[in-house]
Amino acid sequence: MSSADFAPDRRPVRLGVQIAPQHAPYEVHRKTLQRVEDAGVDIAFNWDHFYPLSGDPEGMHFEAWTELAAWAEQTTRIELGPLVNCNSYRNPNLQADMARTVDHISGGRFIFATGSGWAKRDYDEYGYDFGTAGSRLDALARDLPVIRERWTKLNPAPTRRIPILIGGKGEQKTLRIVAEHADIWHSFVDPETLVHKLQVLQDHAAAIGRDVSEIEISNELRDRDEATADALYDAGVRLFTLGITAPDHDFAAMDRWIAWRDAKNA
């Protein structure tokens, strides 16, 4: 296996900016979203949590899916999605319908990015069963086919085959689910670890007869330098994400990575 298996020449480098829905009034997030789209970022993400993940744990925070519906109306070009939806918080048929609806509002720009969930405070405060890491992954594996099937039944149907992004790095369960269902695999692992994880993913894909080149590889840029980004690129990453948060959104970092993306695609 080589990085070419995961990053065929036809796949460009893309940049996604995750705008954390915390620590500012909504009008600030709306202006940030516009700045991100106007700058030429490829994808705008938020996250599916109910409380801040950094800073004041009791600070301002907004719900992911209602915000995404607003983003779909407020933008015209950029793709959008949660990074990532928590499978535990909603019935899979409902998730499918919500995704289809945001897909239509956006005119076909929605990415269904999902995962098994991990933030115990969300579960405890909102009354969800936390279970175990294994049981949450089992539920994700069970629910993804339900979501796909519901998309075939909805009227109107989705505007396109909605891309599925799956986040996580576990080798026995997560990467097997990625091999079966994902169009995009997202993780935070370092370049050296990524090479090993991609081999595991290749093995899972081979076991089910999947062409691994169909899967776009995604990783995070925050707190990383260009040398690390170059190493991730060489390993096969083509979607790079950058997390920014209020009260001080770091547009300088965003502009820096846009320039790096454009140089890679030149």
C-alpha atoms as a PDB file:
ATOM      1  CA  MET A   1       0.000   0.000   0.000  1.00  0.00           C
ATOM      2  CA  SER A   2       1.163   3.539  -0.715  1.00  0.00           C
ATOM      3  CA  SER A   3      -0.260   6.992  -0.132  1.00  0.00           C
ATOM      4  CA  ALA A   4      -1.409   6.922  -3.757  1.00  0.00           C
ATOM      5  CA  ASP A   5      -4.036   4.354  -2.776  1.00  0.00           C
ATOM      6  CA  PHE A   6      -5.709   7.011  -0.638  1.00  0.00           C
ATOM      7  CA  ALA A   7      -4.884  10.149  -2.597  1.00  0.00           C
ATOM      8  CA  PRO A   8      -5.217   9.606  -6.340  1.00  0.00           C
ATOM      9  CA  ASP A   9      -3.882  12.442  -8.474  1.00  0.00           C
ATOM     10  CA  ARG A  10      -7.383  13.664  -9.273  1.00  0.00           C
ATOM     11  CA  ARG A  11      -8.152  14.507  -5.603  1.00  0.00           C
ATOM     12  CA  PRO A  12      -7.286  18.120  -4.685  1.00  0.00           C
ATOM     13  CA  VAL A  13      -6.338  19.387  -1.257  1.00  0.00           C
ATOM     14  CA  ARG A  14      -9.344  20.842   0.564  1.00  0.00           C
ATOM     15  CA  LEU A  15      -9.556  22.955   3.706  1.00  0.00           C
ATOM     16  CA  GLY A  16     -12.359  22.746   6.235  1.00  0.00           C
ATOM     17  CA  VAL A  17     -12.718  25.244   9.081  1.00  0.00           C
ATOM     18  CA  GLN A  18     -14.545  24.093  12.210  1.00  0.00           C
ATOM     19  CA  ILE A  19     -16.248  27.072  13.826  1.00  0.00           C
ATOM     20  CA  ALA A  20     -16.844  26.037  17.420  1.00  0.00           C
ATOM     21  CA  PRO A  21     -20.429  27.065  18.361  1.00  0.00           C
ATOM     22  CA  GLN A  22     -19.346  28.518  21.695  1.00  0.00           C
ATOM     23  CA  HIS A  23     -18.396  31.655  23.637  1.00  0.00           C
ATOM     24  CA  ALA A  24     -20.089  34.278  21.440  1.00  0.00           C
ATOM     25  CA  PRO A  25     -23.580  35.475  20.437  1.00  0.00           C
ATOM     26  CA  TYR A  26     -24.918  33.913  17.259  1.00  0.00           C
ATOM     27  CA  GLU A  27     -24.389  37.055  15.186  1.00  0.00           C
ATOM     28  CA  VAL A  28     -20.633  36.660  15.783  1.00  0.00           C
ATOM     29  CA  HIS A  29     -20.725  33.090  14.486  1.00  0.00           C
ATOM     30  CA  ARG A  30     -22.734  34.220  11.468  1.00  0.00           C
ATOM     31  CA  LYS A  31     -20.163  36.887  10.594  1.00  0.00           C
ATOM     32  CA  THR A  32     -17.362  34.368  11.073  1.00  0.00           C
ATOM     33  CA  LEU A  33     -19.086  31.932   8.728  1.00  0.00           C
ATOM     34  CA  GLN A  34     -19.318  34.657   6.078  1.00  0.00           C
ATOM     35  CA  ARG A  35     -15.632  35.501   6.523  1.00  0.00           C
ATOM     36  CA  VAL A  36     -14.754  31.813   6.139  1.00  0.00           C
ATOM     37  CA  GLU A  37     -16.809  31.410   2.962  1.00  0.00           C
ATOM     38  CA  ASP A  38     -15.556  34.651   1.431  1.00  0.00           C
ATOM     39  CA  ALA A  39     -11.948  33.576   2.065  1.00  0.00           C
ATOM     40  CA  GLY A  40     -12.407  30.503  -0.111  1.00  0.00           C
ATOM     41  CA  VAL A  41     -12.503  27.728   2.486  1.00  0.00           C
ATOM     42  CA  ASP A  42     -13.995  24.512   1.092  1.00  0.00           C
ATOM     43  CA  ILE A  43     -16.060  23.294   4.070  1.00  0.00           C
ATOM     44  CA  ALA A  44     -17.485  24.924   7.210  1.00  0.00           C
ATOM     45  CA  PHE A  45     -17.941  22.571  10.158  1.00  0.00           C
ATOM     46  CA  ASN A  46     -19.359  23.008  13.637  1.00  0.00           C
ATOM     47  CA  TRP A  47     -19.613  20.284  16.308  1.00  0.00           C
ATOM     48  CA  ASP A  48     -22.443  18.321  17.882  1.00  0.00           C
ATOM     49  CA  HIS A  49     -22.126  19.044  21.592  1.00  0.00           C
ATOM     50  CA  PHE A  50     -24.266  20.838  24.148  1.00  0.00           C
ATOM     51  CA  TYR A  51     -21.578  22.564  26.231  1.00  0.00           C
ATOM     52  CA  PRO A  52     -18.274  24.282  25.478  1.00  0.00           C
ATOM     53  CA  LEU A  53     -15.299  21.998  24.994  1.00  0.00           C
ATOM     54  CA  SER A  54     -12.765  24.695  25.852  1.00  0.00           C
ATOM     55  CA  GLY A  55     -12.741  27.831  27.944  1.00  0.00           C
ATOM     56  CA  ASP A  56     -15.543  28.435  30.433  1.00  0.00           C
ATOM     57  CA  PRO A  57     -17.525  25.157  30.644  1.00  0.00           C
ATOM     58  CA  GLU A  58     -20.650  27.193  31.439  1.00  0.00           C
ATOM     59  CA  GLY A  59     -20.110  29.654  28.586  1.00  0.00           C
ATOM     60  CA  MET A  60     -22.425  30.388  25.674  1.00  0.00           C
ATOM     61  CA  HIS A  61     -23.086  27.471  23.349  1.00  0.00           C
ATOM     62  CA  PHE A  62     -25.450  26.621  20.463  1.00  0.00           C
ATOM     63  CA  GLU A  63     -26.958  23.378  19.116  1.00  0.00           C
ATOM     64  CA  ALA A  64     -25.348  21.965  15.976  1.00  0.00           C
ATOM     65  CA  TRP A  65     -28.143  20.956  13.620  1.00  0.00           C
ATOM     66  CA  THR A  66     -30.319  24.037  13.925  1.00  0.00           C
ATOM     67  CA  GLU A  67     -27.195  26.116  13.374  1.00  0.00           C
ATOM     68  CA  LEU A  68     -26.326  24.056  10.276  1.00  0.00           C
ATOM     69  CA  ALA A  69     -29.771  24.713   8.800  1.00  0.00           C
ATOM     70  CA  ALA A  70     -29.170  28.441   9.269  1.00  0.00           C
ATOM     71  CA  TRP A  71     -25.707  28.130   7.716  1.00  0.00           C
ATOM     72  CA  ALA A  72     -27.255  26.410   4.699  1.00  0.00           C
ATOM     73  CA  GLU A  73     -29.415  29.504   4.103  1.00  0.00           C
ATOM     74  CA  GLN A  74     -26.669  32.006   4.894  1.00  0.00           C
ATOM     75  CA  THR A  75     -24.107  30.605   2.424  1.00  0.00           C
ATOM     76  CA  THR A  76     -24.034  29.931  -1.301  1.00  0.00           C
ATOM     77  CA  ARG A  77     -20.851  27.993  -2.128  1.00  0.00           C
ATOM     78  CA  ILE A  78     -19.184  26.371   0.857  1.00  0.00           C
ATOM     79  CA  GLU A  79     -19.987  22.795   1.886  1.00  0.00           C
ATOM     80  CA  LEU A  80     -21.034  22.297   5.508  1.00  0.00           C
ATOM     81  CA  GLY A  81     -21.602  19.712   8.197  1.00  0.00           C
ATOM     82  CA  PRO A  82     -21.009  18.765  11.825  1.00  0.00           C
ATOM     83  CA  LEU A  83     -17.568  17.555  12.880  1.00  0.00           C
ATOM     84  CA  VAL A  84     -19.048  15.347  14.019  1.00  0.00           C
ATOM     85  CA  ASN A  85     -22.712  14.448  14.575  1.00  0.00           C
ATOM     86  CA  CYS A  86     -23.204  12.247  17.653  1.00  0.00           C
ATOM     87  CA  ASN A  87     -25.064   9.111  16.637  1.00  0.00           C
ATOM     88  CA  SER A  88     -26.359   8.599  20.184  1.00  0.00           C
ATOM     89  CA  TYR A  89     -28.402  11.782  20.357  1.00  0.00           C
ATOM     90  CA  ARG A  90     -31.011  11.079  17.672  1.00  0.00           C
ATOM     91  CA  ASN A  91     -32.913   8.186  16.125  1.00  0.00           C
ATOM     92  CA  PRO A  92     -31.156   7.108  12.885  1.00  0.00           C
ATOM     93  CA  ASN A  93     -34.236   7.681  10.751  1.00  0.00           C
ATOM     94  CA  LEU A  94     -34.505  11.190  12.175  1.00  0.00           C
ATOM     95  CA  GLN A  95     -30.804  11.789  11.491  1.00  0.00           C
ATOM     96  CA  ALA A  96     -31.365  10.780   7.879  1.00  0.00           C
ATOM     97  CA  ASP A  97     -34.323  13.133   7.504  1.00  0.00           C
ATOM     98  CA  MET A  98     -32.461  16.023   9.128  1.00  0.00           C
ATOM     99  CA  ALA A  99     -29.478  15.461   6.833  1.00  0.00           C
ATOM    100  CA  ARG A 100     -31.725  15.293   3.761  1.00  0.00           C
ATOM    101  CA  THR A 101     -33.457  18.519   4.790  1.00  0.00           C
ATOM    102  CA  VAL A 102     -30.208  20.451   5.313  1.00  0.00           C
ATOM    103  CA  ASP A 103     -28.990  18.957   2.032  1.00  0.00           C
ATOM    104  CA  HIS A 104     -31.979  20.562   0.259  1.00  0.00           C
ATOM    105  CA  ILE A 105     -31.704  23.874   2.107  1.00  0.00           C
ATOM    106  CA  SER A 106     -28.058  24.086   1.044  1.00  0.00           C
ATOM    107  CA  GLY A 107     -28.685  23.025  -2.533  1.00  0.00           C
ATOM    108  CA  GLY A 108     -26.585  19.889  -2.193  1.00  0.00           C
ATOM    109  CA  ARG A 109     -23.688  21.121  -0.044  1.00  0.00           C
ATOM    110  CA  PHE A 110     -24.202  19.022   3.089  1.00  0.00           C
ATOM    111  CA  ILE A 111     -21.697  16.449   4.412  1.00  0.00           C
ATOM    112  CA  PHE A 112     -23.028  13.906   6.917  1.00  0.00           C
ATOM    113  CA  ALA A 113     -20.073  13.736   9.279  1.00  0.00           C
ATOM    114  CA  THR A 114     -20.761  11.393  12.161  1.00  0.00           C
ATOM    115  CA  GLY A 115     -19.274   9.440  15.032  1.00  0.00           C
ATOM    116  CA  SER A 116     -20.182   7.337  18.036  1.00  0.00           C
ATOM    117  CA  GLY A 117     -19.991  10.081  20.697  1.00  0.00           C
ATOM    118  CA  TRP A 118     -17.717  10.609  23.682  1.00  0.00           C
ATOM    119  CA  ALA A 119     -18.636  13.705  25.758  1.00  0.00           C
ATOM    120  CA  LYS A 120     -20.093  12.230  28.936  1.00  0.00           C
ATOM    121  CA  ARG A 121     -21.462  15.547  30.198  1.00  0.00           C
ATOM    122  CA  ASP A 122     -23.692  15.798  27.110  1.00  0.00           C
ATOM    123  CA  TYR A 123     -25.107  12.360  27.819  1.00  0.00           C
ATOM    124  CA  ASP A 124     -25.623  12.961  31.522  1.00  0.00           C
ATOM    125  CA  GLU A 125     -27.205  16.424  31.206  1.00  0.00           C
ATOM    126  CA  TYR A 126     -29.508  15.517  28.302  1.00  0.00           C
ATOM    127  CA  GLY A 127     -30.524  12.079  29.563  1.00  0.00           C
ATOM    128  CA  TYR A 128     -28.824   9.788  27.038  1.00  0.00           C
ATOM    129  CA  ASP A 129     -27.410   6.375  27.957  1.00  0.00           C
ATOM    130  CA  PHE A 130     -23.628   6.704  27.859  1.00  0.00           C
ATOM    131  CA  GLY A 131     -22.943   2.978  27.639  1.00  0.00           C
ATOM    132  CA  THR A 132     -19.380   2.059  26.694  1.00  0.00           C
ATOM    133  CA  ALA A 133     -17.102   3.027  23.839  1.00  0.00           C
ATOM    134  CA  GLY A 134     -17.767  -0.382  22.332  1.00  0.00           C
ATOM    135  CA  SER A 135     -21.536  -0.189  22.650  1.00  0.00           C
ATOM    136  CA  ARG A 136     -21.597   3.279  21.097  1.00  0.00           C
ATOM    137  CA  LEU A 137     -19.549   2.056  18.135  1.00  0.00           C
ATOM    138  CA  ASP A 138     -21.822  -0.965  17.769  1.00  0.00           C
ATOM    139  CA  ALA A 139     -24.778   1.410  17.637  1.00  0.00           C
ATOM    140  CA  LEU A 140     -23.076   3.485  14.937  1.00  0.00           C
ATOM    141  CA  ALA A 141     -22.449   0.358  12.849  1.00  0.00           C
ATOM    142  CA  ARG A 142     -26.084  -0.659  13.317  1.00  0.00           C
ATOM    143  CA  ASP A 143     -27.530   2.763  12.497  1.00  0.00           C
ATOM    144  CA  LEU A 144     -25.585   3.763   9.391  1.00  0.00           C
ATOM    145  CA  PRO A 145     -27.400   1.237   7.152  1.00  0.00           C
ATOM    146  CA  VAL A 146     -30.698   2.516   8.575  1.00  0.00           C
ATOM    147  CA  ILE A 147     -29.715   6.065   7.653  1.00  0.00           C
ATOM    148  CA  ARG A 148     -28.750   5.037   4.129  1.00  0.00           C
ATOM    149  CA  GLU A 149     -31.994   3.124   3.681  1.00  0.00           C
ATOM    150  CA  ARG A 150     -34.098   6.044   4.920  1.00  0.00           C
ATOM    151  CA  TRP A 151     -32.451   8.271   2.312  1.00  0.00           C
ATOM    152  CA  THR A 152     -33.883   5.971  -0.374  1.00  0.00           C
ATOM    153  CA  LYS A 153     -37.421   6.379   1.033  1.00  0.00           C
ATOM    154  CA  LEU A 154     -37.652  10.127   1.601  1.00  0.00           C
ATOM    155  CA  ASN A 155     -39.738  12.343  -0.648  1.00  0.00           C
ATOM    156  CA  PRO A 156     -38.100  14.379  -1.973  1.00  0.00           C
ATOM    157  CA  ALA A 157     -34.917  12.325  -2.081  1.00  0.00           C
ATOM    158  CA  PRO A 158     -31.572  13.924  -1.220  1.00  0.00           C
ATOM    159  CA  THR A 159     -30.207  16.157  -3.968  1.00  0.00           C
ATOM    160  CA  ARG A 160     -27.124  13.960  -4.253  1.00  0.00           C
ATOM    161  CA  ARG A 161     -25.515  10.910  -2.699  1.00  0.00           C
ATOM    162  CA  ILE A 162     -24.800  12.621   0.630  1.00  0.00           C
ATOM    163  CA  PRO A 163     -21.118  12.125   1.526  1.00  0.00           C
ATOM    164  CA  ILE A 164     -20.496  10.361   4.838  1.00  0.00           C
ATOM    165  CA  LEU A 165     -17.522  11.361   6.973  1.00  0.00           C
ATOM    166  CA  ILE A 166     -16.662   9.152   9.940  1.00  0.00           C
ATOM    167  CA  GLY A 167     -14.359  10.335  12.705  1.00  0.00           C
ATOM    168  CA  GLY A 168     -12.213   8.192  14.975  1.00  0.00           C
ATOM    169  CA  LYS A 169      -9.099   6.039  14.975  1.00  0.00           C
ATOM    170  CA  GLY A 170      -9.949   2.698  16.608  1.00  0.00           C
ATOM    171  CA  GLU A 171      -8.578  -0.167  14.569  1.00  0.00           C
ATOM    172  CA  GLN A 172     -10.953  -3.025  15.359  1.00  0.00           C
ATOM    173  CA  LYS A 173     -14.310  -1.253  15.092  1.00  0.00           C
ATOM    174  CA  THR A 174     -14.017   2.337  13.871  1.00  0.00           C
ATOM    175  CA  LEU A 175     -11.823   1.667  10.852  1.00  0.00           C
ATOM    176  CA  ARG A 176     -13.961  -1.316   9.901  1.00  0.00           C
ATOM    177  CA  ILE A 177     -17.018   0.980   9.907  1.00  0.00           C
ATOM    178  CA  VAL A 178     -15.039   3.519   7.867  1.00  0.00           C
ATOM    179  CA  ALA A 179     -14.136   0.871   5.298  1.00  0.00           C
ATOM    180  CA  GLU A 180     -17.779  -0.102   4.899  1.00  0.00           C
ATOM    181  CA  HIS A 181     -19.554   3.250   5.009  1.00  0.00           C
ATOM    182  CA  ALA A 182     -17.299   6.304   4.782  1.00  0.00           C
ATOM    183  CA  ASP A 183     -16.523   8.588   1.877  1.00  0.00           C
ATOM    184  CA  ILE A 184     -14.166  10.504   4.181  1.00  0.00           C
ATOM    185  CA  TRP A 185     -12.191   9.315   7.223  1.00  0.00           C
ATOM    186  CA  HIS A 186     -11.179  11.971   9.763  1.00  0.00           C
ATOM    187  CA  SER A 187      -8.673  11.667  12.593  1.00  0.00           C
ATOM    188  CA  PHE A 188      -6.134  13.674  14.573  1.00  0.00           C
ATOM    189  CA  VAL A 189      -3.263  11.151  14.442  1.00  0.00           C
ATOM    190  CA  ASP A 190       0.318  12.177  13.655  1.00  0.00           C
ATOM    191  CA  PRO A 191       1.925  11.332  10.313  1.00  0.00           C
ATOM    192  CA  GLU A 192       3.790   8.278  11.564  1.00  0.00           C
ATOM    193  CA  THR A 193       0.701   6.796  13.206  1.00  0.00           C
ATOM    194  CA  LEU A 194      -1.362   7.625  10.135  1.00  0.00           C
ATOM    195  CA  VAL A 195       0.729   5.341   7.937  1.00  0.00           C
ATOM    196  CA  HIS A 196      -0.090   2.412  10.213  1.00  0.00           C
ATOM    197  CA  LYS A 197      -3.771   3.319  10.479  1.00  0.00           C
ATOM    198  CA  LEU A 198      -4.068   3.510   6.697  1.00  0.00           C
ATOM    199  CA  GLN A 199      -2.693   0.000   6.404  1.00  0.00           C
ATOM    200  CA  VAL A 200      -5.341  -1.197   8.862  1.00  0.00           C
ATOM    201  CA  LEU A 201      -8.001   0.631   6.850  1.00  0.00           C
ATOM    202  CA  GLN A 202      -6.659  -0.942   3.659  1.00  0.00           C
ATOM    203  CA  ASP A 203      -6.970  -4.396   5.225  1.00  0.00           C
ATOM    204  CA  HIS A 204     -10.579  -3.764   6.297  1.00  0.00           C
ATOM    205  CA  ALA A 205     -11.440  -2.453   2.833  1.00  0.00           C
ATOM    206  CA  ALA A 206      -9.845  -5.449   1.138  1.00  0.00           C
ATOM    207  CA  ALA A 207     -11.846  -7.803   3.353  1.00  0.00           C
ATOM    208  CA  ILE A 208     -15.136  -6.384   2.049  1.00  0.00           C
ATOM    209  CA  GLY A 209     -14.001  -5.764  -1.515  1.00  0.00           C
ATOM    210  CA  ARG A 210     -13.979  -1.972  -1.271  1.00  0.00           C
ATOM    211  CA  ASP A 211     -11.703   0.187  -3.410  1.00  0.00           C
ATOM    212  CA  VAL A 212      -9.834   2.192  -0.804  1.00  0.00           C
ATOM    213  CA  SER A 213      -9.183   5.049  -3.247  1.00  0.00           C
ATOM    214  CA  GLU A 214     -12.863   5.970  -2.810  1.00  0.00           C
ATOM    215  CA  ILE A 215     -12.103   7.159   0.751  1.00  0.00           C
ATOM    216  CA  GLU A 216     -10.788  10.695   1.251  1.00  0.00           C
ATOM    217  CA  ILE A 217      -8.394  11.024   4.194  1.00  0.00           C
ATOM    218  CA  SER A 218      -8.863  13.955   6.581  1.00  0.00           C
ATOM    219  CA  ASN A 219      -6.766  15.300   9.450  1.00  0.00           C
ATOM    220  CA  GLU A 220      -6.469  18.350  11.711  1.00  0.00           C
ATOM    221  CA  LEU A 221      -4.082  21.318  11.346  1.00  0.00           C
ATOM    222  CA  ARG A 222      -4.499  23.188  14.617  1.00  0.00           C
ATOM    223  CA  ASP A 223      -1.187  23.534  16.513  1.00  0.00           C
ATOM    224  CA  ARG A 224       0.697  22.008  13.587  1.00  0.00           C
ATOM    225  CA  ASP A 225       3.318  23.473  11.267  1.00  0.00           C
ATOM    226  CA  GLU A 226       3.819  23.195   7.524  1.00  0.00           C
ATOM    227  CA  ALA A 227       6.366  20.387   7.881  1.00  0.00           C
ATOM    228  CA  THR A 228       3.793  18.252   9.691  1.00  0.00           C
ATOM    229  CA  ALA A 229       1.119  19.164   7.157  1.00  0.00           C
ATOM    230  CA  ASP A 230       3.498  18.189   4.363  1.00  0.00           C
ATOM    231  CA  ALA A 231       4.105  14.828   6.035  1.00  0.00           C
ATOM    232  CA  LEU A 232       0.363  14.256   6.380  1.00  0.00           C
ATOM    233  CA  TYR A 233      -0.052  15.173   2.722  1.00  0.00           C
ATOM    234  CA  ASP A 234       2.666  12.716   1.737  1.00  0.00           C
ATOM    235  CA  ALA A 235       0.860  10.006   3.739  1.00  0.00           C
ATOM    236  CA  GLY A 236      -2.338  10.607   1.762  1.00  0.00           C
ATOM    237  CA  VAL A 237      -4.323  13.316   3.571  1.00  0.00           C
ATOM    238  CA  ARG A 238      -6.257  15.564   1.207  1.00  0.00           C
ATOM    239  CA  LEU A 239      -8.857  17.163   3.498  1.00  0.00           C
ATOM    240  CA  PHE A 240      -7.311  19.294   6.226  1.00  0.00           C
ATOM    241  CA  THR A 241      -9.404  20.821   9.010  1.00  0.00           C
ATOM    242  CA  LEU A 242      -8.676  23.792  11.227  1.00  0.00           C
ATOM    243  CA  GLY A 243     -10.572  24.458  14.432  1.00  0.00           C
ATOM    244  CA  ILE A 244     -11.219  28.059  15.456  1.00  0.00           C
ATOM    245  CA  THR A 245     -13.197  29.343  18.412  1.00  0.00           C
ATOM    246  CA  ALA A 246     -14.623  32.536  19.847  1.00  0.00           C
ATOM    247  CA  PRO A 247     -14.140  34.936  21.464  1.00  0.00           C
ATOM    248  CA  ASP A 248     -11.107  35.495  19.207  1.00  0.00           C
ATOM    249  CA  HIS A 249     -11.454  33.664  15.890  1.00  0.00           C
ATOM    250  CA  ASP A 250      -7.971  33.199  14.412  1.00  0.00           C
ATOM    251  CA  PHE A 251      -8.381  34.273  10.801  1.00  0.00           C
ATOM    252  CA  ALA A 252      -4.629  34.653  10.377  1.00  0.00           C
ATOM    253  CA  ALA A 253      -4.208  30.904  10.843  1.00  0.00           C
ATOM    254  CA  MET A 254      -7.023  30.283   8.374  1.00  0.00           C
ATOM    255  CA  ASP A 255      -5.444  32.556   5.747  1.00  0.00           C
ATOM    256  CA  ARG A 256      -2.076  30.860   6.256  1.00  0.00           C
ATOM    257  CA  TRP A 257      -3.526  27.417   5.566  1.00  0.00           C
ATOM    258  CA  ILE A 258      -5.533  28.635   2.584  1.00  0.00           C
ATOM    259  CA  ALA A 259      -2.233  29.770   1.050  1.00  0.00           C
ATOM    260  CA  TRP A 260      -0.677  26.390   1.837  1.00  0.00           C
ATOM    261  CA  ARG A 261      -3.652  24.583   0.240  1.00  0.00           C
ATOM    262  CA  ASP A 262      -3.448  26.730  -2.862  1.00  0.00           C
ATOM    263  CA  ALA A 263       0.262  26.040  -3.213  1.00  0.00           C
ATOM    264  CA  LYS A 264      -0.381  22.295  -3.045  1.00  0.00           C
ATOM    265  CA  ASN A 265      -3.060  22.565  -5.716  1.00  0.00           C
ATOM    266  CA  ALA A 266      -1.058  24.836  -8.033  1.00  0.00           C
END
